[in-house]
Amino acid sequence: MSTAATPAQTPTFLDEVSAATPGDSRLEMCVQCGTCGGSCPSGPDMDYTPRAIFAMIRAGLKDEVLRSNTPWYCVSCYYCTVRCPQQIHITDLMYALKNMAIRAKLYQDSTAPDFSQTFIDNVENYGRSFELGLATRHSLRHSPLRLPAMAPMGLGMFSKGRMDLTPRRIEGIAQLKAILNRAKELEAAS
């Protein structure tokens, strides 16, 4: 009895996304319940809900997924991840999709990647987001004429103690920086 060699299968887009996501993404466990999209504070602004993105990944719609604004509108609140009945690491998947879109140069314009980078810079420097700095830097770069219209919201947030005028570093910033540097080393090694 002879055994024929089976050709190696080309990885699917689902395989690519799973491999690009740190740890076990559990993406294949999605049952399309919609809890993620219903939980997302940015959901109304997304091209597709996370649930739709996961279905598109399964369908192999790589360009459509990577051109979507959905990962860029993820604010990393982890609300979807915490509420997911299948324990899918949705926020980690969104980061992986951002990285894949950047590598493939498939994002539509630099607005979302710039916003993401500004947010990351804040977290790396202060250990948390600095909303006033984030909004100001982003708006000055991409829509400076909208700044005056944002002033009433900013004043309201400031008057209610929801926004600081200056950034504050978390305690233990050195430890956070060490963790982030190690994560970058591991990512570069993979």
N, C-alpha and C. Protein backbone atom coordinates (compact mmCIF):
# COMPACT_ATOMS: atom_id res chain seq x y z
N MET A 1 0.84 -1.17 0.00
CA MET A 1 0.00 0.00 0.00
C MET A 1 0.89 1.24 0.00
N SER A 2 0.73 2.09 -0.99
CA SER A 2 1.57 3.28 -1.04
C SER A 2 0.83 4.46 -0.44
N THR A 3 1.59 5.32 0.15
CA THR A 3 0.99 6.52 0.72
C THR A 3 1.45 7.72 -0.08
N ALA A 4 0.51 8.45 -0.57
CA ALA A 4 0.83 9.65 -1.35
C ALA A 4 1.10 10.80 -0.39
N ALA A 5 2.07 11.59 -0.73
CA ALA A 5 2.37 12.75 0.10
C ALA A 5 1.27 13.78 -0.07
N THR A 6 0.84 14.34 1.01
CA THR A 6 -0.21 15.37 0.93
C THR A 6 0.47 16.73 0.93
N PRO A 7 0.06 17.57 0.01
CA PRO A 7 0.68 18.89 -0.03
C PRO A 7 0.34 19.69 1.23
N ALA A 8 1.25 20.53 1.64
CA ALA A 8 1.01 21.37 2.81
C ALA A 8 -0.09 22.37 2.46
N GLN A 9 -1.01 22.52 3.36
CA GLN A 9 -2.11 23.44 3.12
C GLN A 9 -1.64 24.87 3.35
N THR A 10 -2.09 25.75 2.49
CA THR A 10 -1.82 27.17 2.66
C THR A 10 -2.63 27.66 3.85
N PRO A 11 -2.00 28.42 4.73
CA PRO A 11 -2.76 28.92 5.89
C PRO A 11 -3.93 29.80 5.44
N THR A 12 -5.03 29.66 6.11
CA THR A 12 -6.19 30.51 5.84
C THR A 12 -5.98 31.86 6.51
N PHE A 13 -6.83 32.81 6.19
CA PHE A 13 -6.76 34.11 6.86
C PHE A 13 -7.01 33.94 8.36
N LEU A 14 -7.92 33.04 8.72
CA LEU A 14 -8.17 32.73 10.13
C LEU A 14 -6.88 32.25 10.79
N ASP A 15 -6.13 31.38 10.11
CA ASP A 15 -4.85 30.89 10.64
C ASP A 15 -3.87 32.05 10.82
N GLU A 16 -3.81 32.95 9.83
CA GLU A 16 -2.90 34.09 9.89
C GLU A 16 -3.23 34.99 11.08
N VAL A 17 -4.50 35.29 11.26
CA VAL A 17 -4.92 36.17 12.35
C VAL A 17 -4.63 35.50 13.69
N SER A 18 -4.95 34.23 13.81
CA SER A 18 -4.69 33.51 15.05
C SER A 18 -3.20 33.49 15.37
N ALA A 19 -2.37 33.29 14.36
CA ALA A 19 -0.92 33.26 14.57
C ALA A 19 -0.37 34.63 14.94
N ALA A 20 -1.00 35.69 14.46
CA ALA A 20 -0.53 37.05 14.73
C ALA A 20 -1.00 37.56 16.09
N THR A 21 -1.91 36.84 16.72
CA THR A 21 -2.46 37.26 18.01
C THR A 21 -1.70 36.58 19.13
N PRO A 22 -1.21 37.35 20.10
CA PRO A 22 -0.48 36.73 21.21
C PRO A 22 -1.36 35.75 21.99
N GLY A 23 -0.77 34.67 22.42
CA GLY A 23 -1.53 33.68 23.19
C GLY A 23 -2.53 32.96 22.33
N ASP A 24 -3.55 32.43 22.96
CA ASP A 24 -4.62 31.72 22.27
C ASP A 24 -5.79 32.66 22.09
N SER A 25 -6.01 33.13 20.87
CA SER A 25 -7.07 34.10 20.61
C SER A 25 -8.46 33.52 20.83
N ARG A 26 -8.60 32.22 20.63
CA ARG A 26 -9.88 31.51 20.74
C ARG A 26 -10.88 31.98 19.68
N LEU A 27 -10.39 32.61 18.62
CA LEU A 27 -11.26 33.14 17.58
C LEU A 27 -12.16 32.08 16.97
N GLU A 28 -11.64 30.88 16.83
CA GLU A 28 -12.44 29.81 16.24
C GLU A 28 -13.64 29.43 17.11
N MET A 29 -13.69 29.92 18.34
CA MET A 29 -14.79 29.61 19.27
C MET A 29 -15.98 30.56 19.11
N CYS A 30 -15.86 31.60 18.28
CA CYS A 30 -16.93 32.59 18.13
C CYS A 30 -18.22 31.93 17.65
N VAL A 31 -19.30 32.20 18.37
CA VAL A 31 -20.61 31.65 18.01
C VAL A 31 -21.53 32.73 17.42
N GLN A 32 -20.95 33.89 17.11
CA GLN A 32 -21.70 34.97 16.47
C GLN A 32 -22.88 35.45 17.31
N CYS A 33 -22.70 35.55 18.63
CA CYS A 33 -23.78 35.98 19.51
C CYS A 33 -24.02 37.49 19.47
N GLY A 34 -22.98 38.27 19.14
CA GLY A 34 -23.11 39.71 19.05
C GLY A 34 -22.88 40.47 20.33
N THR A 35 -22.51 39.77 21.40
CA THR A 35 -22.26 40.44 22.67
C THR A 35 -21.15 41.47 22.54
N CYS A 36 -20.13 41.16 21.74
CA CYS A 36 -18.99 42.07 21.57
C CYS A 36 -19.44 43.40 20.98
N GLY A 37 -20.19 43.36 19.90
CA GLY A 37 -20.65 44.59 19.26
C GLY A 37 -21.62 45.35 20.13
N GLY A 38 -22.48 44.63 20.84
CA GLY A 38 -23.44 45.27 21.73
C GLY A 38 -22.77 45.91 22.93
N SER A 39 -21.58 45.45 23.27
CA SER A 39 -20.84 45.97 24.42
C SER A 39 -19.93 47.13 24.06
N CYS A 40 -19.64 47.30 22.79
CA CYS A 40 -18.59 48.20 22.35
C CYS A 40 -19.03 49.66 22.36
N PRO A 41 -18.31 50.52 23.11
CA PRO A 41 -18.67 51.94 23.10
C PRO A 41 -18.38 52.61 21.75
N SER A 42 -17.51 52.01 20.95
CA SER A 42 -17.19 52.57 19.64
C SER A 42 -17.95 51.91 18.51
N GLY A 43 -18.77 50.93 18.83
CA GLY A 43 -19.49 50.16 17.82
C GLY A 43 -20.20 50.97 16.76
N PRO A 44 -20.92 52.03 17.13
CA PRO A 44 -21.64 52.80 16.11
C PRO A 44 -20.73 53.45 15.06
N ASP A 45 -19.46 53.66 15.39
CA ASP A 45 -18.54 54.31 14.46
C ASP A 45 -17.78 53.32 13.59
N MET A 46 -17.90 52.03 13.90
CA MET A 46 -17.14 51.01 13.17
C MET A 46 -17.81 50.65 11.85
N ASP A 47 -16.98 50.35 10.84
CA ASP A 47 -17.50 49.85 9.57
C ASP A 47 -18.29 48.56 9.79
N TYR A 48 -17.72 47.68 10.61
CA TYR A 48 -18.32 46.38 10.90
C TYR A 48 -18.20 46.12 12.39
N THR A 49 -19.16 45.42 12.96
CA THR A 49 -19.05 45.04 14.36
C THR A 49 -17.94 43.99 14.49
N PRO A 50 -17.41 43.79 15.69
CA PRO A 50 -16.42 42.71 15.85
C PRO A 50 -16.97 41.36 15.36
N ARG A 51 -18.23 41.09 15.65
CA ARG A 51 -18.84 39.83 15.20
C ARG A 51 -18.75 39.72 13.67
N ALA A 52 -19.08 40.78 12.96
CA ALA A 52 -18.99 40.76 11.50
C ALA A 52 -17.55 40.58 11.04
N ILE A 53 -16.61 41.24 11.72
CA ILE A 53 -15.19 41.08 11.38
C ILE A 53 -14.78 39.62 11.52
N PHE A 54 -15.22 38.97 12.59
CA PHE A 54 -14.83 37.57 12.81
C PHE A 54 -15.42 36.67 11.73
N ALA A 55 -16.66 36.95 11.30
CA ALA A 55 -17.25 36.18 10.20
C ALA A 55 -16.48 36.44 8.90
N MET A 56 -16.06 37.67 8.68
CA MET A 56 -15.30 38.01 7.48
C MET A 56 -13.92 37.33 7.50
N ILE A 57 -13.33 37.24 8.68
CA ILE A 57 -12.04 36.53 8.79
C ILE A 57 -12.23 35.08 8.40
N ARG A 58 -13.26 34.46 8.92
CA ARG A 58 -13.55 33.05 8.59
C ARG A 58 -13.80 32.88 7.09
N ALA A 59 -14.40 33.90 6.48
CA ALA A 59 -14.71 33.83 5.05
C ALA A 59 -13.50 34.16 4.17
N GLY A 60 -12.40 34.54 4.81
CA GLY A 60 -11.18 34.83 4.05
C GLY A 60 -11.15 36.20 3.40
N LEU A 61 -11.94 37.14 3.89
CA LEU A 61 -12.02 38.47 3.30
C LEU A 61 -10.92 39.38 3.87
N LYS A 62 -9.70 39.02 3.59
CA LYS A 62 -8.54 39.68 4.17
C LYS A 62 -8.49 41.18 3.88
N ASP A 63 -8.57 41.56 2.61
CA ASP A 63 -8.48 42.98 2.28
C ASP A 63 -9.58 43.80 2.94
N GLU A 64 -10.80 43.29 2.92
CA GLU A 64 -11.92 44.02 3.52
C GLU A 64 -11.71 44.20 5.02
N VAL A 65 -11.24 43.16 5.68
CA VAL A 65 -11.01 43.23 7.13
C VAL A 65 -9.89 44.23 7.43
N LEU A 66 -8.77 44.12 6.71
CA LEU A 66 -7.62 44.96 7.00
C LEU A 66 -7.83 46.41 6.56
N ARG A 67 -8.76 46.66 5.66
CA ARG A 67 -9.08 48.04 5.26
C ARG A 67 -10.15 48.66 6.16
N SER A 68 -10.78 47.85 6.96
CA SER A 68 -11.86 48.30 7.83
C SER A 68 -11.33 49.22 8.93
N ASN A 69 -12.20 50.12 9.38
CA ASN A 69 -11.81 50.99 10.50
C ASN A 69 -12.07 50.32 11.85
N THR A 70 -12.68 49.16 11.85
CA THR A 70 -13.08 48.52 13.10
C THR A 70 -11.94 48.36 14.10
N PRO A 71 -10.81 47.76 13.73
CA PRO A 71 -9.75 47.63 14.73
C PRO A 71 -9.24 48.98 15.25
N TRP A 72 -9.27 49.98 14.39
CA TRP A 72 -8.75 51.30 14.76
C TRP A 72 -9.67 52.02 15.73
N TYR A 73 -10.95 51.68 15.73
CA TYR A 73 -11.88 52.32 16.64
C TYR A 73 -11.97 51.59 17.98
N CYS A 74 -11.30 50.47 18.09
CA CYS A 74 -11.24 49.75 19.37
C CYS A 74 -10.49 50.62 20.37
N VAL A 75 -11.11 50.90 21.51
CA VAL A 75 -10.50 51.76 22.53
C VAL A 75 -9.83 50.95 23.63
N SER A 76 -9.72 49.65 23.42
CA SER A 76 -9.02 48.76 24.35
C SER A 76 -9.60 48.80 25.76
N CYS A 77 -10.90 48.92 25.86
CA CYS A 77 -11.54 48.93 27.18
C CYS A 77 -11.74 47.52 27.72
N TYR A 78 -11.62 46.53 26.86
CA TYR A 78 -11.76 45.11 27.21
C TYR A 78 -13.18 44.73 27.63
N TYR A 79 -14.13 45.63 27.44
CA TYR A 79 -15.51 45.31 27.82
C TYR A 79 -16.03 44.12 27.02
N CYS A 80 -15.72 44.09 25.73
CA CYS A 80 -16.16 42.98 24.89
C CYS A 80 -15.51 41.66 25.33
N THR A 81 -14.24 41.74 25.66
CA THR A 81 -13.50 40.54 26.06
C THR A 81 -14.06 39.98 27.36
N VAL A 82 -14.35 40.86 28.31
CA VAL A 82 -14.88 40.43 29.60
C VAL A 82 -16.26 39.82 29.45
N ARG A 83 -17.07 40.36 28.55
CA ARG A 83 -18.46 39.89 28.38
C ARG A 83 -18.61 38.71 27.44
N CYS A 84 -17.57 38.40 26.65
CA CYS A 84 -17.67 37.33 25.66
C CYS A 84 -17.92 35.97 26.34
N PRO A 85 -19.02 35.30 26.00
CA PRO A 85 -19.30 34.01 26.62
C PRO A 85 -18.32 32.91 26.21
N GLN A 86 -17.59 33.12 25.13
CA GLN A 86 -16.62 32.13 24.64
C GLN A 86 -15.19 32.48 25.05
N GLN A 87 -15.03 33.55 25.81
CA GLN A 87 -13.73 34.00 26.29
C GLN A 87 -12.72 34.26 25.16
N ILE A 88 -13.23 34.83 24.08
CA ILE A 88 -12.38 35.19 22.95
C ILE A 88 -11.61 36.46 23.33
N HIS A 89 -10.37 36.51 22.99
CA HIS A 89 -9.52 37.65 23.34
C HIS A 89 -9.65 38.73 22.27
N ILE A 90 -10.81 39.37 22.27
CA ILE A 90 -11.20 40.28 21.19
C ILE A 90 -10.27 41.48 21.09
N THR A 91 -9.93 42.09 22.20
CA THR A 91 -9.06 43.26 22.15
C THR A 91 -7.70 42.89 21.58
N ASP A 92 -7.16 41.73 21.96
CA ASP A 92 -5.88 41.27 21.41
C ASP A 92 -5.99 41.04 19.91
N LEU A 93 -7.12 40.51 19.47
CA LEU A 93 -7.35 40.31 18.04
C LEU A 93 -7.36 41.64 17.30
N MET A 94 -7.97 42.65 17.90
CA MET A 94 -8.01 43.97 17.25
C MET A 94 -6.60 44.54 17.09
N TYR A 95 -5.76 44.36 18.10
CA TYR A 95 -4.37 44.81 17.99
C TYR A 95 -3.65 44.05 16.88
N ALA A 96 -3.89 42.76 16.80
CA ALA A 96 -3.25 41.95 15.75
C ALA A 96 -3.69 42.44 14.37
N LEU A 97 -4.98 42.74 14.21
CA LEU A 97 -5.48 43.23 12.92
C LEU A 97 -4.88 44.60 12.58
N LYS A 98 -4.70 45.46 13.57
CA LYS A 98 -4.04 46.74 13.31
C LYS A 98 -2.63 46.51 12.78
N ASN A 99 -1.90 45.64 13.46
CA ASN A 99 -0.52 45.37 13.04
C ASN A 99 -0.48 44.77 11.63
N MET A 100 -1.41 43.87 11.35
CA MET A 100 -1.46 43.26 10.01
C MET A 100 -1.78 44.32 8.95
N ALA A 101 -2.70 45.23 9.26
CA ALA A 101 -3.07 46.29 8.30
C ALA A 101 -1.89 47.22 8.04
N ILE A 102 -1.14 47.52 9.09
CA ILE A 102 0.03 48.40 8.91
C ILE A 102 1.07 47.70 8.05
N ARG A 103 1.35 46.44 8.35
CA ARG A 103 2.36 45.70 7.58
C ARG A 103 1.95 45.58 6.11
N ALA A 104 0.67 45.37 5.87
CA ALA A 104 0.18 45.21 4.50
C ALA A 104 -0.13 46.56 3.83
N LYS A 105 0.00 47.64 4.59
CA LYS A 105 -0.32 48.99 4.10
C LYS A 105 -1.74 49.04 3.53
N LEU A 106 -2.69 48.48 4.29
CA LEU A 106 -4.07 48.41 3.83
C LEU A 106 -5.02 49.32 4.60
N TYR A 107 -4.50 50.18 5.45
CA TYR A 107 -5.41 51.11 6.11
C TYR A 107 -5.71 52.25 5.14
N GLN A 108 -6.89 52.84 5.29
CA GLN A 108 -7.35 53.81 4.30
C GLN A 108 -6.63 55.15 4.37
N ASP A 109 -6.38 55.65 5.54
CA ASP A 109 -5.59 56.86 5.68
C ASP A 109 -4.86 56.78 7.02
N SER A 110 -4.05 57.77 7.30
CA SER A 110 -3.21 57.69 8.50
C SER A 110 -3.93 58.14 9.76
N THR A 111 -5.16 58.58 9.67
CA THR A 111 -5.86 59.10 10.84
C THR A 111 -5.93 58.07 11.95
N ALA A 112 -6.44 56.89 11.67
CA ALA A 112 -6.58 55.87 12.71
C ALA A 112 -5.24 55.37 13.22
N PRO A 113 -4.27 55.03 12.35
CA PRO A 113 -2.97 54.61 12.89
C PRO A 113 -2.29 55.71 13.71
N ASP A 114 -2.44 56.96 13.31
CA ASP A 114 -1.86 58.06 14.08
C ASP A 114 -2.52 58.16 15.45
N PHE A 115 -3.84 58.03 15.49
CA PHE A 115 -4.57 58.07 16.76
C PHE A 115 -4.08 56.94 17.66
N SER A 116 -3.97 55.75 17.08
CA SER A 116 -3.51 54.59 17.84
C SER A 116 -2.10 54.83 18.38
N GLN A 117 -1.23 55.38 17.55
CA GLN A 117 0.15 55.63 17.99
C GLN A 117 0.20 56.68 19.09
N THR A 118 -0.64 57.70 19.00
CA THR A 118 -0.70 58.72 20.05
C THR A 118 -1.15 58.10 21.36
N PHE A 119 -2.16 57.24 21.30
CA PHE A 119 -2.64 56.54 22.50
C PHE A 119 -1.52 55.69 23.09
N ILE A 120 -0.83 54.93 22.24
CA ILE A 120 0.26 54.07 22.70
C ILE A 120 1.36 54.92 23.33
N ASP A 121 1.70 56.04 22.71
CA ASP A 121 2.72 56.92 23.28
C ASP A 121 2.33 57.39 24.68
N ASN A 122 1.06 57.74 24.86
CA ASN A 122 0.59 58.14 26.18
C ASN A 122 0.75 57.03 27.20
N VAL A 123 0.34 55.84 26.84
CA VAL A 123 0.43 54.71 27.76
C VAL A 123 1.89 54.39 28.08
N GLU A 124 2.75 54.43 27.06
CA GLU A 124 4.16 54.13 27.30
C GLU A 124 4.83 55.20 28.18
N ASN A 125 4.42 56.46 28.04
CA ASN A 125 5.04 57.53 28.82
C ASN A 125 4.43 57.75 30.20
N TYR A 126 3.13 57.53 30.32
CA TYR A 126 2.44 57.85 31.57
C TYR A 126 1.78 56.64 32.24
N GLY A 127 1.64 55.55 31.49
CA GLY A 127 0.98 54.37 32.05
C GLY A 127 -0.52 54.43 31.92
N ARG A 128 -1.02 55.46 31.30
CA ARG A 128 -2.47 55.64 31.10
C ARG A 128 -2.68 56.63 29.96
N SER A 129 -3.90 56.73 29.55
CA SER A 129 -4.22 57.70 28.51
C SER A 129 -4.30 59.09 29.12
N PHE A 130 -3.92 60.07 28.36
CA PHE A 130 -4.05 61.48 28.74
C PHE A 130 -4.98 62.09 27.70
N GLU A 131 -6.27 62.16 28.05
CA GLU A 131 -7.30 62.50 27.08
C GLU A 131 -7.09 63.86 26.41
N LEU A 132 -6.75 64.88 27.20
CA LEU A 132 -6.57 66.20 26.61
C LEU A 132 -5.42 66.19 25.61
N GLY A 133 -4.32 65.57 25.97
CA GLY A 133 -3.18 65.47 25.06
C GLY A 133 -3.50 64.65 23.83
N LEU A 134 -4.22 63.56 24.04
CA LEU A 134 -4.61 62.69 22.93
C LEU A 134 -5.50 63.44 21.95
N ALA A 135 -6.54 64.08 22.46
CA ALA A 135 -7.47 64.81 21.59
C ALA A 135 -6.79 65.99 20.90
N THR A 136 -5.96 66.71 21.65
CA THR A 136 -5.30 67.89 21.08
C THR A 136 -4.32 67.50 19.99
N ARG A 137 -3.43 66.54 20.30
CA ARG A 137 -2.43 66.13 19.31
C ARG A 137 -3.08 65.57 18.05
N HIS A 138 -4.08 64.73 18.27
CA HIS A 138 -4.76 64.11 17.13
C HIS A 138 -5.51 65.16 16.30
N SER A 139 -6.23 66.04 16.97
CA SER A 139 -7.01 67.05 16.25
C SER A 139 -6.12 68.05 15.52
N LEU A 140 -5.03 68.46 16.15
CA LEU A 140 -4.12 69.39 15.48
C LEU A 140 -3.55 68.78 14.22
N ARG A 141 -3.31 67.47 14.25
CA ARG A 141 -2.71 66.80 13.10
C ARG A 141 -3.74 66.52 12.00
N HIS A 142 -4.97 66.20 12.37
CA HIS A 142 -5.92 65.70 11.37
C HIS A 142 -7.15 66.57 11.14
N SER A 143 -7.56 67.34 12.12
CA SER A 143 -8.76 68.17 11.92
C SER A 143 -8.71 69.39 12.83
N PRO A 144 -7.76 70.28 12.59
CA PRO A 144 -7.58 71.43 13.49
C PRO A 144 -8.81 72.35 13.57
N LEU A 145 -9.59 72.38 12.53
CA LEU A 145 -10.76 73.26 12.54
C LEU A 145 -11.87 72.75 13.46
N ARG A 146 -11.78 71.49 13.88
CA ARG A 146 -12.79 70.92 14.78
C ARG A 146 -12.50 71.23 16.25
N LEU A 147 -11.30 71.69 16.55
CA LEU A 147 -10.93 71.94 17.95
C LEU A 147 -11.89 72.89 18.66
N PRO A 148 -12.26 74.04 18.07
CA PRO A 148 -13.19 74.92 18.79
C PRO A 148 -14.53 74.25 19.13
N ALA A 149 -15.01 73.39 18.26
CA ALA A 149 -16.29 72.71 18.51
C ALA A 149 -16.17 71.70 19.64
N MET A 150 -14.95 71.23 19.90
CA MET A 150 -14.74 70.25 20.97
C MET A 150 -14.58 70.90 22.33
N ALA A 151 -14.34 72.21 22.37
CA ALA A 151 -14.08 72.92 23.62
C ALA A 151 -15.19 72.75 24.66
N PRO A 152 -16.48 72.88 24.31
CA PRO A 152 -17.52 72.71 25.34
C PRO A 152 -17.49 71.32 25.99
N MET A 153 -17.26 70.28 25.20
CA MET A 153 -17.19 68.94 25.78
C MET A 153 -15.99 68.85 26.71
N GLY A 154 -14.84 69.38 26.27
CA GLY A 154 -13.65 69.35 27.11
C GLY A 154 -13.84 70.11 28.41
N LEU A 155 -14.46 71.28 28.34
CA LEU A 155 -14.72 72.06 29.56
C LEU A 155 -15.67 71.32 30.50
N GLY A 156 -16.66 70.67 29.91
CA GLY A 156 -17.60 69.90 30.72
C GLY A 156 -16.90 68.74 31.43
N MET A 157 -16.03 68.04 30.69
CA MET A 157 -15.28 66.93 31.30
C MET A 157 -14.36 67.45 32.40
N PHE A 158 -13.69 68.57 32.14
CA PHE A 158 -12.78 69.14 33.13
C PHE A 158 -13.55 69.58 34.38
N SER A 159 -14.69 70.25 34.19
CA SER A 159 -15.45 70.76 35.34
C SER A 159 -16.01 69.64 36.21
N LYS A 160 -16.20 68.47 35.65
CA LYS A 160 -16.72 67.34 36.41
C LYS A 160 -15.61 66.41 36.89
N GLY A 161 -14.37 66.85 36.72
CA GLY A 161 -13.23 66.06 37.19
C GLY A 161 -12.96 64.82 36.36
N ARG A 162 -13.42 64.80 35.12
CA ARG A 162 -13.25 63.64 34.24
C ARG A 162 -12.06 63.77 33.31
N MET A 163 -11.36 64.93 33.36
CA MET A 163 -10.22 65.13 32.49
C MET A 163 -9.22 66.05 33.19
N ASP A 164 -7.97 65.68 33.12
CA ASP A 164 -6.90 66.49 33.70
C ASP A 164 -6.29 67.40 32.65
N LEU A 165 -5.75 68.54 33.10
CA LEU A 165 -5.09 69.45 32.19
C LEU A 165 -3.65 69.03 31.90
N THR A 166 -3.07 68.28 32.82
CA THR A 166 -1.70 67.79 32.63
C THR A 166 -1.69 66.27 32.84
N PRO A 167 -0.79 65.58 32.17
CA PRO A 167 -0.73 64.13 32.34
C PRO A 167 -0.17 63.75 33.71
N ARG A 168 -0.62 62.62 34.23
CA ARG A 168 -0.11 62.09 35.49
C ARG A 168 0.41 60.68 35.24
N ARG A 169 1.62 60.43 35.70
CA ARG A 169 2.20 59.09 35.56
C ARG A 169 1.66 58.18 36.64
N ILE A 170 1.52 56.93 36.29
CA ILE A 170 1.12 55.95 37.28
C ILE A 170 2.31 55.64 38.18
N GLU A 171 2.03 55.11 39.36
CA GLU A 171 3.10 54.60 40.20
C GLU A 171 3.63 53.34 39.52
N GLY A 172 4.90 53.12 39.61
CA GLY A 172 5.49 51.92 39.02
C GLY A 172 5.66 52.00 37.51
N ILE A 173 5.85 53.22 36.98
CA ILE A 173 5.99 53.37 35.53
C ILE A 173 7.21 52.59 35.03
N ALA A 174 8.26 52.50 35.84
CA ALA A 174 9.46 51.77 35.41
C ALA A 174 9.14 50.29 35.18
N GLN A 175 8.31 49.72 36.03
CA GLN A 175 7.92 48.32 35.85
C GLN A 175 7.08 48.15 34.58
N LEU A 176 6.16 49.08 34.34
CA LEU A 176 5.35 49.01 33.13
C LEU A 176 6.24 49.10 31.90
N LYS A 177 7.19 50.03 31.91
CA LYS A 177 8.09 50.17 30.77
C LYS A 177 8.89 48.90 30.54
N ALA A 178 9.31 48.24 31.62
CA ALA A 178 10.05 46.98 31.49
C ALA A 178 9.17 45.90 30.85
N ILE A 179 7.91 45.85 31.25
CA ILE A 179 6.97 44.88 30.67
C ILE A 179 6.77 45.17 29.19
N LEU A 180 6.55 46.44 28.85
CA LEU A 180 6.32 46.81 27.45
C LEU A 180 7.56 46.54 26.60
N ASN A 181 8.74 46.83 27.14
CA ASN A 181 9.97 46.54 26.40
C ASN A 181 10.14 45.05 26.16
N ARG A 182 9.81 44.25 27.16
CA ARG A 182 9.91 42.79 27.00
C ARG A 182 8.91 42.30 25.96
N ALA A 183 7.73 42.86 25.96
CA ALA A 183 6.72 42.49 24.96
C ALA A 183 7.21 42.82 23.56
N LYS A 184 7.87 43.98 23.40
CA LYS A 184 8.41 44.36 22.09
C LYS A 184 9.52 43.40 21.67
N GLU A 185 10.35 42.98 22.61
CA GLU A 185 11.40 42.02 22.31
C GLU A 185 10.80 40.70 21.84
N LEU A 186 9.77 40.24 22.53
CA LEU A 186 9.13 38.97 22.15
C LEU A 186 8.47 39.08 20.79
N GLU A 187 7.85 40.24 20.50
CA GLU A 187 7.22 40.43 19.21
C GLU A 187 8.26 40.44 18.09
N ALA A 188 9.39 41.08 18.33
CA ALA A 188 10.45 41.15 17.32
C ALA A 188 11.05 39.78 17.06
N ALA A 189 11.07 38.95 18.09
CA ALA A 189 11.66 37.61 17.96
C ALA A 189 10.75 36.64 17.19
N SER A 190 9.46 36.95 17.15
CA SER A 190 8.52 36.01 16.49
C SER A 190 8.38 36.26 15.02
